[in-house]
Amino acid sequence: MTTINLVTGVSGQDGFFISRHLLKKGHRVLGVSRRQVDSPHVLLLAKYPKYQHYAISKYTKSNIEALFREVQPDRVFHAAGFRDIPSTDEEVAQCFFTNVELLAIIIAAIRQNSPKTRLLFISSAEIYGKNAGIAHEKTAFNPENPYAVSKTEGMQQIEFFRSNGGFGSVAICFNHDSFLSPTTHLAISVVRKLLKSRESSTFFNTSIHRDFGHASDFSVAFDLILSHHTPDNFVVCTGTHVSLDDYINMTCHYLKIEPAAITRSVQPDLETYARRGDSQKIRSLLGWTPRFTVEKICKNIIYWEKKNQNDRINLYSPNIK
């Protein structure tokens, strides 16, 4: 059955991949952004007949309510927001607005105009802090930065919405990357540094472990979560824990660089903790299985980093009849 899906933050990584996934399944997608976007990946979405873009200059209660009165979507994917820890006061304020205030406005609009709408809030493994071990849905929250605090507060709003009869679910996401990833993310930053500097590259604290996933797989998880008959929280991660050392060696292999030539050092003020998750719940209950191995993620990012934007769009474009 065709559904009407409203996706906030459509110009970002998660917004793009969930929109593309739904469009390829034949669903209608209403992409929302703060302004009219002309980035290549959003222009790609516009090539699908069932895509419609909404540029909202300012996210106010009246603007969002008007949108929900007009659209009354079956599902809302709240993918807007930072995918990294904010570094300035302005970014912190924007982070809290998107994850807390805007979410509250969306929840109010659903209650008043489309009470049957299903809502997904995309959270982050940052809510668990640095020493959570292998985190799952029952692991205690321990937010240690403003970004994590805003995500925690957003999840509390979803819980209240759910306890009052609303359909609100949460995806607690570990690392997931693509050619749209922030440049600070390890999966893409390693590739870019080695492509640029090759044997002269230096990396720090390479013993850290991370869970590497691909945004395309996570978009499938988001769809499954809102397709489930009951609203709930789900940890979304691959469960593949790879050290930065191993990822550097892997990238060197694909770029034909001698790994021994790469300088590796220790910098005390950088991250040294492991971040690991347990995705057994979404796998067993919803049947989610990620397709991308860490090797495939690495090769995929290398491939796209070697392409310019026009090549990316030409290769990504759907067959429009």
Protein backbone atom coordinates (compact mmCIF):
# COMPACT_ATOMS: atom_id res chain seq x y z
CA MET A 1 0.00 0.00 0.00
CA THR A 2 1.32 3.46 -0.93
CA THR A 3 1.98 5.71 2.05
CA ILE A 4 2.48 9.47 2.36
CA ASN A 5 5.80 10.07 4.09
CA LEU A 6 7.03 13.41 5.40
CA VAL A 7 10.80 13.60 5.83
CA THR A 8 12.43 16.50 7.68
CA GLY A 9 16.07 17.28 6.97
CA VAL A 10 15.76 15.89 3.46
CA SER A 11 18.94 17.68 2.39
CA GLY A 12 21.02 15.71 4.91
CA GLN A 13 22.35 12.16 4.73
CA ASP A 14 19.56 10.34 6.59
CA GLY A 15 16.85 12.45 4.98
CA PHE A 16 18.19 11.70 1.52
CA PHE A 17 18.64 7.96 1.97
CA ILE A 18 15.27 7.33 3.64
CA SER A 19 13.54 9.41 0.93
CA ARG A 20 15.28 7.55 -1.87
CA HIS A 21 14.47 4.19 -0.25
CA LEU A 22 10.76 5.03 0.05
CA LEU A 23 10.54 6.49 -3.45
CA LYS A 24 12.10 3.36 -4.93
CA LYS A 25 9.36 1.37 -3.17
CA GLY A 26 6.72 3.52 -4.86
CA HIS A 27 5.68 5.61 -1.84
CA ARG A 28 5.00 9.34 -1.84
CA VAL A 29 7.64 11.47 -0.13
CA LEU A 30 7.27 15.06 1.01
CA GLY A 31 10.77 16.39 1.70
CA VAL A 32 11.06 19.31 4.10
CA SER A 33 13.97 21.72 4.44
CA ARG A 34 14.52 25.22 5.79
CA ARG A 35 15.05 26.67 2.33
CA GLN A 36 14.82 25.73 -1.29
CA VAL A 37 17.64 23.27 -1.85
CA ASP A 38 19.55 22.86 -5.10
CA SER A 39 22.11 20.31 -3.94
CA PRO A 40 22.58 17.47 -6.44
CA HIS A 41 21.19 14.74 -4.21
CA VAL A 42 17.98 16.68 -3.54
CA LEU A 43 17.62 17.46 -7.24
CA LEU A 44 17.90 13.72 -7.77
CA LEU A 45 14.92 13.09 -5.49
CA ALA A 46 12.93 15.65 -7.48
CA LYS A 47 13.24 13.40 -10.53
CA TYR A 48 10.91 10.89 -8.91
CA PRO A 49 7.26 11.61 -9.83
CA LYS A 50 6.10 10.92 -6.27
CA TYR A 51 8.48 13.39 -4.63
CA GLN A 52 7.38 16.85 -3.50
CA HIS A 53 9.60 19.41 -1.81
CA TYR A 54 8.48 21.79 0.92
CA ALA A 55 10.80 24.71 1.68
CA ILE A 56 9.86 26.28 5.01
CA SER A 57 11.82 29.45 5.69
CA LYS A 58 11.18 29.24 9.42
CA TYR A 59 10.04 26.31 11.52
CA THR A 60 7.24 27.90 13.53
CA LYS A 61 4.21 26.33 15.17
CA SER A 62 1.86 27.95 12.65
CA ASN A 63 3.96 26.87 9.64
CA ILE A 64 4.20 23.26 10.80
CA GLU A 65 0.51 23.07 11.72
CA ALA A 66 -0.43 24.44 8.29
CA LEU A 67 1.75 21.79 6.65
CA PHE A 68 0.13 18.98 8.64
CA ARG A 69 -3.38 20.27 7.93
CA GLU A 70 -2.58 20.21 4.23
CA VAL A 71 -0.71 16.92 4.08
CA GLN A 72 -1.85 14.70 6.98
CA PRO A 73 1.01 12.23 6.36
CA ASP A 74 0.83 8.57 7.23
CA ARG A 75 4.38 8.66 8.56
CA VAL A 76 6.93 11.28 9.63
CA PHE A 77 10.68 10.67 9.69
CA HIS A 78 12.28 13.43 11.78
CA ALA A 79 15.76 13.30 10.27
CA ALA A 80 16.62 16.99 10.60
CA GLY A 81 19.52 18.01 12.78
CA PHE A 82 23.25 17.74 13.30
CA ARG A 83 25.06 14.49 12.68
CA ASP A 84 27.98 15.65 14.77
CA ILE A 85 28.62 17.20 18.16
CA PRO A 86 28.05 20.99 17.90
CA SER A 87 31.15 23.10 18.46
CA THR A 88 29.71 26.62 18.89
CA ASP A 89 26.98 28.17 21.03
CA GLU A 90 24.94 28.82 17.90
CA GLU A 91 25.19 25.18 16.85
CA VAL A 92 24.21 24.03 20.35
CA ALA A 93 21.11 26.24 20.23
CA GLN A 94 20.21 24.93 16.78
CA CYS A 95 20.73 21.37 17.98
CA PHE A 96 18.31 21.82 20.88
CA PHE A 97 15.78 23.56 18.67
CA THR A 98 15.73 20.71 16.15
CA ASN A 99 15.79 17.79 18.60
CA VAL A 100 13.55 19.27 21.29
CA GLU A 101 11.51 22.33 20.25
CA LEU A 102 10.80 21.36 16.65
CA LEU A 103 10.00 17.81 17.73
CA ALA A 104 7.47 19.19 20.23
CA ILE A 105 5.89 21.28 17.47
CA ILE A 106 5.64 18.22 15.21
CA ILE A 107 4.07 16.13 17.98
CA ALA A 108 1.50 18.88 18.67
CA ALA A 109 0.70 19.14 14.95
CA ILE A 110 0.15 15.38 14.77
CA ARG A 111 -2.17 15.41 17.78
CA GLN A 112 -4.26 18.25 16.40
CA ASN A 113 -4.34 17.47 12.68
CA SER A 114 -3.40 13.84 11.97
CA PRO A 115 -3.57 11.67 15.12
CA LYS A 116 -3.01 8.45 13.13
CA THR A 117 0.39 9.62 11.87
CA ARG A 118 3.36 7.48 12.87
CA LEU A 119 6.47 9.40 13.98
CA LEU A 120 10.12 8.32 14.02
CA PHE A 121 12.75 10.27 15.95
CA ILE A 122 16.31 9.51 14.90
CA SER A 123 18.50 9.50 18.01
CA SER A 124 22.16 8.71 18.56
CA ALA A 125 24.36 6.31 20.50
CA GLU A 126 25.86 9.44 22.07
CA ILE A 127 23.02 9.20 24.63
CA TYR A 128 24.90 6.32 26.30
CA GLY A 129 28.13 8.19 26.99
CA LYS A 130 31.63 6.80 26.69
CA ASN A 131 31.60 3.82 29.04
CA ALA A 132 28.36 2.00 28.28
CA GLY A 133 29.94 -1.26 27.15
CA ILE A 134 27.82 -2.98 24.49
CA ALA A 135 24.73 -0.74 24.54
CA HIS A 136 21.16 -1.94 23.92
CA GLU A 137 17.66 -0.52 24.36
CA LYS A 138 17.69 -0.97 28.15
CA THR A 139 21.13 0.57 28.71
CA ALA A 140 20.96 3.64 30.97
CA PHE A 141 21.36 7.04 29.34
CA ASN A 142 24.50 8.99 30.25
CA PRO A 143 24.68 12.01 27.92
CA GLU A 144 28.05 13.76 28.15
CA ASN A 145 27.68 16.59 25.63
CA PRO A 146 24.93 19.01 24.49
CA TYR A 147 24.15 16.95 21.40
CA ALA A 148 23.51 13.85 23.50
CA VAL A 149 21.42 15.83 26.01
CA SER A 150 19.20 17.14 23.19
CA LYS A 151 18.71 13.63 21.83
CA THR A 152 17.85 12.34 25.30
CA GLU A 153 15.25 15.09 25.78
CA GLY A 154 13.80 14.28 22.36
CA MET A 155 13.45 10.63 23.34
CA GLN A 156 11.67 11.64 26.54
CA GLN A 157 9.16 13.58 24.45
CA ILE A 158 8.57 10.52 22.27
CA GLU A 159 8.02 8.41 25.38
CA PHE A 160 5.42 10.89 26.67
CA PHE A 161 3.75 11.02 23.24
CA ARG A 162 3.61 7.22 23.18
CA SER A 163 2.24 6.96 26.72
CA ASN A 164 -0.63 9.22 25.65
CA GLY A 165 -1.66 7.07 22.71
CA GLY A 166 0.58 8.46 19.98
CA PHE A 167 2.63 6.28 17.64
CA GLY A 168 6.16 7.43 18.37
CA SER A 169 9.25 5.30 17.75
CA VAL A 170 12.97 5.91 18.12
CA ALA A 171 15.98 4.70 16.15
CA ILE A 172 19.10 4.88 18.33
CA CYS A 173 21.78 4.99 15.68
CA PHE A 174 25.42 4.07 15.83
CA ASN A 175 27.89 5.17 13.14
CA HIS A 176 26.48 5.10 9.64
CA ASP A 177 28.17 6.77 6.72
CA SER A 178 28.08 7.48 2.99
CA PHE A 179 29.41 10.07 0.55
CA LEU A 180 27.17 12.56 2.42
CA SER A 181 28.84 11.99 5.81
CA PRO A 182 30.33 14.87 7.81
CA THR A 183 34.04 15.17 7.13
CA THR A 184 34.80 14.45 10.80
CA HIS A 185 33.43 10.90 10.63
CA LEU A 186 36.14 8.25 10.60
CA ALA A 187 34.82 6.26 7.64
CA ILE A 188 35.13 9.21 5.26
CA SER A 189 37.90 11.22 6.93
CA VAL A 190 40.37 8.31 6.65
CA VAL A 191 39.61 7.89 2.95
CA ARG A 192 39.92 11.61 2.22
CA LYS A 193 43.18 11.98 4.13
CA LEU A 194 44.78 8.99 2.41
CA LEU A 195 43.57 10.09 -1.02
CA LYS A 196 45.06 13.53 -0.42
CA SER A 197 48.27 12.82 1.50
CA ARG A 198 48.80 9.10 0.95
CA GLU A 199 52.03 7.87 2.62
CA SER A 200 52.53 11.18 4.46
CA SER A 201 49.27 10.81 6.41
CA THR A 202 49.25 10.75 10.22
CA PHE A 203 46.51 9.23 12.39
CA PHE A 204 46.04 9.35 16.15
CA ASN A 205 44.68 6.88 18.71
CA THR A 206 44.20 4.17 16.11
CA SER A 207 43.36 1.49 18.69
CA ILE A 208 39.81 2.85 19.14
CA HIS A 209 36.93 0.67 17.93
CA ARG A 210 33.80 1.83 16.16
CA ASP A 211 30.72 0.19 14.65
CA PHE A 212 30.78 0.94 10.91
CA GLY A 213 27.42 0.99 9.08
CA HIS A 214 26.07 2.47 5.83
CA ALA A 215 23.26 5.02 5.64
CA SER A 216 21.51 3.01 2.94
CA ASP A 217 21.07 0.06 5.33
CA PHE A 218 19.88 2.37 8.09
CA SER A 219 17.17 3.83 5.84
CA VAL A 220 15.72 0.31 5.54
CA ALA A 221 15.78 0.03 9.34
CA PHE A 222 13.88 3.32 9.69
CA ASP A 223 11.19 2.07 7.31
CA LEU A 224 10.86 -1.22 9.20
CA ILE A 225 10.53 0.56 12.53
CA LEU A 226 7.56 2.63 11.39
CA SER A 227 6.04 -0.35 9.59
CA HIS A 228 5.99 -2.35 12.82
CA HIS A 229 2.58 -2.67 14.47
CA THR A 230 3.80 -1.29 17.81
CA PRO A 231 5.82 1.88 18.50
CA ASP A 232 9.11 1.17 20.24
CA ASN A 233 12.80 2.04 20.61
CA PHE A 234 15.38 0.19 18.52
CA VAL A 235 19.18 0.25 18.55
CA VAL A 236 20.39 0.33 14.94
CA CYS A 237 23.96 -0.84 14.39
CA THR A 238 25.82 -3.52 12.48
CA GLY A 239 27.48 -5.10 15.49
CA THR A 240 30.76 -5.10 13.55
CA HIS A 241 33.38 -3.56 15.82
CA VAL A 242 36.45 -2.54 13.84
CA SER A 243 39.51 -0.70 15.10
CA LEU A 244 40.67 2.48 13.38
CA ASP A 245 43.94 0.66 12.79
CA ASP A 246 42.21 -2.08 10.81
CA TYR A 247 40.14 0.44 8.84
CA ILE A 248 43.28 2.39 7.90
CA ASN A 249 44.97 -0.82 6.75
CA MET A 250 41.88 -1.75 4.74
CA THR A 251 41.77 1.65 3.05
CA CYS A 252 45.50 1.45 2.31
CA HIS A 253 44.95 -1.95 0.69
CA TYR A 254 42.25 -0.62 -1.65
CA LEU A 255 44.30 2.50 -2.49
CA LYS A 256 47.49 0.46 -2.98
CA ILE A 257 49.34 2.29 -0.20
CA GLU A 258 51.85 0.53 2.04
CA PRO A 259 50.21 0.50 5.52
CA ALA A 260 53.60 0.50 7.26
CA ALA A 261 54.33 3.91 5.74
CA ILE A 262 51.42 5.54 7.60
CA THR A 263 52.32 7.36 10.81
CA ARG A 264 50.27 6.37 13.86
CA SER A 265 50.55 8.23 17.12
CA VAL A 266 48.75 8.94 20.41
CA GLN A 267 47.10 12.23 21.32
CA PRO A 268 45.77 12.21 24.93
CA ASP A 269 42.95 14.71 24.38
CA LEU A 270 41.35 12.68 21.57
CA GLU A 271 38.79 9.89 21.96
CA THR A 272 40.08 6.51 23.09
CA TYR A 273 36.85 4.74 24.10
CA ALA A 274 35.09 2.01 22.15
CA ARG A 275 31.49 2.46 21.02
CA ARG A 276 29.61 -0.78 20.56
CA GLY A 277 25.96 -1.69 20.19
CA ASP A 278 23.65 -4.71 20.29
CA SER A 279 21.09 -4.73 17.45
CA GLN A 280 19.58 -8.11 18.30
CA LYS A 281 16.14 -6.60 18.90
CA ILE A 282 15.68 -5.04 15.45
CA ARG A 283 17.20 -8.10 13.79
CA SER A 284 15.00 -10.67 15.51
CA LEU A 285 11.78 -8.65 15.76
CA LEU A 286 11.83 -6.78 12.45
CA GLY A 287 14.12 -8.96 10.37
CA TRP A 288 16.62 -6.19 9.62
CA THR A 289 19.96 -7.33 8.22
CA PRO A 290 22.55 -4.81 7.00
CA ARG A 291 23.91 -5.54 3.52
CA PHE A 292 27.07 -3.44 3.76
CA THR A 293 30.13 -5.03 5.34
CA VAL A 294 32.85 -2.70 6.57
CA GLU A 295 34.89 -3.67 3.50
CA LYS A 296 32.01 -2.71 1.21
CA ILE A 297 31.52 0.57 3.09
CA CYS A 298 35.20 1.41 2.66
CA LYS A 299 35.19 0.61 -1.06
CA ASN A 300 31.91 2.47 -1.57
CA ILE A 301 33.24 5.65 0.04
CA ILE A 302 36.49 5.43 -1.94
CA TYR A 303 34.46 5.03 -5.13
CA TRP A 304 32.31 8.09 -4.49
CA GLU A 305 35.20 10.20 -3.25
CA LYS A 306 36.88 9.67 -6.61
CA LYS A 307 33.78 10.87 -8.43
CA ASN A 308 32.72 14.46 -8.88
CA GLN A 309 29.16 15.45 -8.07
CA ASN A 310 27.91 15.25 -11.66
CA ASP A 311 29.15 11.68 -11.98
CA ARG A 312 27.49 10.79 -8.67
CA ILE A 313 24.13 12.07 -9.76
CA ASN A 314 24.31 10.49 -13.20
CA LEU A 315 25.08 7.12 -11.65
CA TYR A 316 22.53 7.45 -8.85
CA SER A 317 19.69 8.70 -11.04
CA PRO A 318 16.52 6.60 -11.27
CA ASN A 319 15.13 5.41 -14.56
CA ILE A 320 12.39 7.91 -15.26
CA LYS A 321 9.94 6.84 -17.94
